[in-house]
C-alpha cells in the first residue's frame, strides 16, 4: 500500500491562521522548528512526508484531512 498526496491545502490553512492570529510566516516557521524557506517549500509541494503534514495539523489544531487530500494505492 502506498499513500500519495493529491492536493496540499496547508497554504489555505496557514493563511486562515495568520488572519485570525496576526502571526507572521517567520514566527510560524520558528514555532514549527523549520526555516522560512522550508516552510515555503512545504506549502508549494505535493511531495511531503505524512509526518510533516501531521506536524502542521498539530500546530494548527486541525485534522490532517483539512491539510491534504490523498489517495491510497494498493500495489498488489
C-alpha atoms as a PDB file:
ATOM      1  CA  UNK A   1       0.000   0.000   0.000  1.00  0.00           C
ATOM      2  CA  UNK A   2       1.215   3.478  -0.845  1.00  0.00           C
ATOM      3  CA  UNK A   3      -0.274   6.835   0.114  1.00  0.00           C
ATOM      4  CA  UNK A   4       0.003   9.626  -2.430  1.00  0.00           C
ATOM      5  CA  UNK A   5      -0.822  13.241  -1.590  1.00  0.00           C
ATOM      6  CA  UNK A   6      -3.002  14.668  -4.347  1.00  0.00           C
ATOM      7  CA  UNK A   7      -3.598  18.173  -3.007  1.00  0.00           C
ATOM      8  CA  UNK A   8      -1.770  20.288  -0.455  1.00  0.00           C
ATOM      9  CA  UNK A   9      -4.109  22.643   1.401  1.00  0.00           C
ATOM     10  CA  UNK A  10      -1.589  23.792   4.016  1.00  0.00           C
ATOM     11  CA  UNK A  11      -1.272  27.269   2.498  1.00  0.00           C
ATOM     12  CA  UNK A  12      -5.015  27.876   2.831  1.00  0.00           C
ATOM     13  CA  UNK A  13      -4.965  26.847   6.493  1.00  0.00           C
ATOM     14  CA  UNK A  14      -1.841  28.906   7.219  1.00  0.00           C
ATOM     15  CA  UNK A  15      -3.414  31.981   5.630  1.00  0.00           C
ATOM     16  CA  UNK A  16      -6.559  31.432   7.712  1.00  0.00           C
ATOM     17  CA  UNK A  17      -4.404  31.055  10.850  1.00  0.00           C
ATOM     18  CA  UNK A  18      -2.466  34.233  10.018  1.00  0.00           C
ATOM     19  CA  UNK A  19      -5.650  36.255   9.517  1.00  0.00           C
ATOM     20  CA  UNK A  20      -7.010  35.016  12.838  1.00  0.00           C
ATOM     21  CA  UNK A  21      -3.820  35.488  14.889  1.00  0.00           C
ATOM     22  CA  UNK A  22      -1.724  38.055  13.027  1.00  0.00           C
ATOM     23  CA  UNK A  23       1.232  35.629  13.104  1.00  0.00           C
ATOM     24  CA  UNK A  24       3.965  36.067  10.507  1.00  0.00           C
ATOM     25  CA  UNK A  25       5.350  33.252   8.378  1.00  0.00           C
ATOM     26  CA  UNK A  26       8.689  33.785  10.141  1.00  0.00           C
ATOM     27  CA  UNK A  27       7.083  33.241  13.557  1.00  0.00           C
ATOM     28  CA  UNK A  28       5.183  30.194  12.300  1.00  0.00           C
ATOM     29  CA  UNK A  29       8.336  28.637  10.858  1.00  0.00           C
ATOM     30  CA  UNK A  30      10.136  29.239  14.162  1.00  0.00           C
ATOM     31  CA  UNK A  31       7.312  27.545  16.075  1.00  0.00           C
ATOM     32  CA  UNK A  32       7.493  24.563  13.718  1.00  0.00           C
ATOM     33  CA  UNK A  33      11.281  24.401  14.027  1.00  0.00           C
ATOM     34  CA  UNK A  34      11.900  24.848  10.312  1.00  0.00           C
ATOM     35  CA  UNK A  35      13.376  27.584   8.162  1.00  0.00           C
ATOM     36  CA  UNK A  36      11.142  30.046   6.365  1.00  0.00           C
ATOM     37  CA  UNK A  37      12.444  28.654   3.058  1.00  0.00           C
ATOM     38  CA  UNK A  38      11.461  25.116   4.136  1.00  0.00           C
ATOM     39  CA  UNK A  39       8.012  26.410   5.077  1.00  0.00           C
ATOM     40  CA  UNK A  40       7.525  27.798   1.571  1.00  0.00           C
ATOM     41  CA  UNK A  41       8.819  24.556   0.026  1.00  0.00           C
ATOM     42  CA  UNK A  42       6.301  22.516   2.040  1.00  0.00           C
ATOM     43  CA  UNK A  43       3.428  24.851   1.212  1.00  0.00           C
ATOM     44  CA  UNK A  44       4.187  24.585  -2.508  1.00  0.00           C
ATOM     45  CA  UNK A  45       4.720  20.822  -2.687  1.00  0.00           C
ATOM     46  CA  UNK A  46       2.580  17.719  -3.017  1.00  0.00           C
ATOM     47  CA  UNK A  47       5.641  15.611  -2.269  1.00  0.00           C
ATOM     48  CA  UNK A  48       5.908  15.664   1.509  1.00  0.00           C
ATOM     49  CA  UNK A  49       6.105  13.076   4.215  1.00  0.00           C
ATOM     50  CA  UNK A  50       2.958  12.471   6.226  1.00  0.00           C
ATOM     51  CA  UNK A  51       4.805  13.293   9.441  1.00  0.00           C
ATOM     52  CA  UNK A  52       5.339  16.822   8.083  1.00  0.00           C
ATOM     53  CA  UNK A  53       1.619  17.215   7.395  1.00  0.00           C
ATOM     54  CA  UNK A  54       0.896  15.850  10.871  1.00  0.00           C
ATOM     55  CA  UNK A  55       3.259  18.419  12.419  1.00  0.00           C
ATOM     56  CA  UNK A  56       1.311  21.205  10.687  1.00  0.00           C
ATOM     57  CA  UNK A  57      -2.018  19.668  11.762  1.00  0.00           C
ATOM     58  CA  UNK A  58      -0.903  19.618  15.390  1.00  0.00           C
ATOM     59  CA  UNK A  59       0.360  23.214  15.188  1.00  0.00           C
ATOM     60  CA  UNK A  60      -2.821  24.480  13.522  1.00  0.00           C
ATOM     61  CA  UNK A  61      -5.015  22.354  15.802  1.00  0.00           C
ATOM     62  CA  UNK A  62      -6.863  20.750  12.920  1.00  0.00           C
ATOM     63  CA  UNK A  63      -7.339  17.343  11.355  1.00  0.00           C
ATOM     64  CA  UNK A  64      -4.725  16.211   8.856  1.00  0.00           C
ATOM     65  CA  UNK A  65      -7.576  15.783   6.345  1.00  0.00           C
ATOM     66  CA  UNK A  66      -8.024  19.576   6.482  1.00  0.00           C
ATOM     67  CA  UNK A  67      -4.480  19.996   5.131  1.00  0.00           C
ATOM     68  CA  UNK A  68      -4.082  17.363   2.464  1.00  0.00           C
ATOM     69  CA  UNK A  69      -6.089  15.232   0.094  1.00  0.00           C
ATOM     70  CA  UNK A  70      -4.635  11.822  -0.558  1.00  0.00           C
ATOM     71  CA  UNK A  71      -5.162   8.526  -2.342  1.00  0.00           C
ATOM     72  CA  UNK A  72      -4.288   5.076  -1.098  1.00  0.00           C
ATOM     73  CA  UNK A  73      -2.821   2.892  -3.822  1.00  0.00           C
ATOM     74  CA  UNK A  74      -2.768  -0.862  -3.388  1.00  0.00           C
ATOM     75  CA  UNK A  75       0.286  -2.385  -5.023  1.00  0.00           C
ATOM     76  CA  UNK A  76      -0.961  -5.943  -5.001  1.00  0.00           C
END
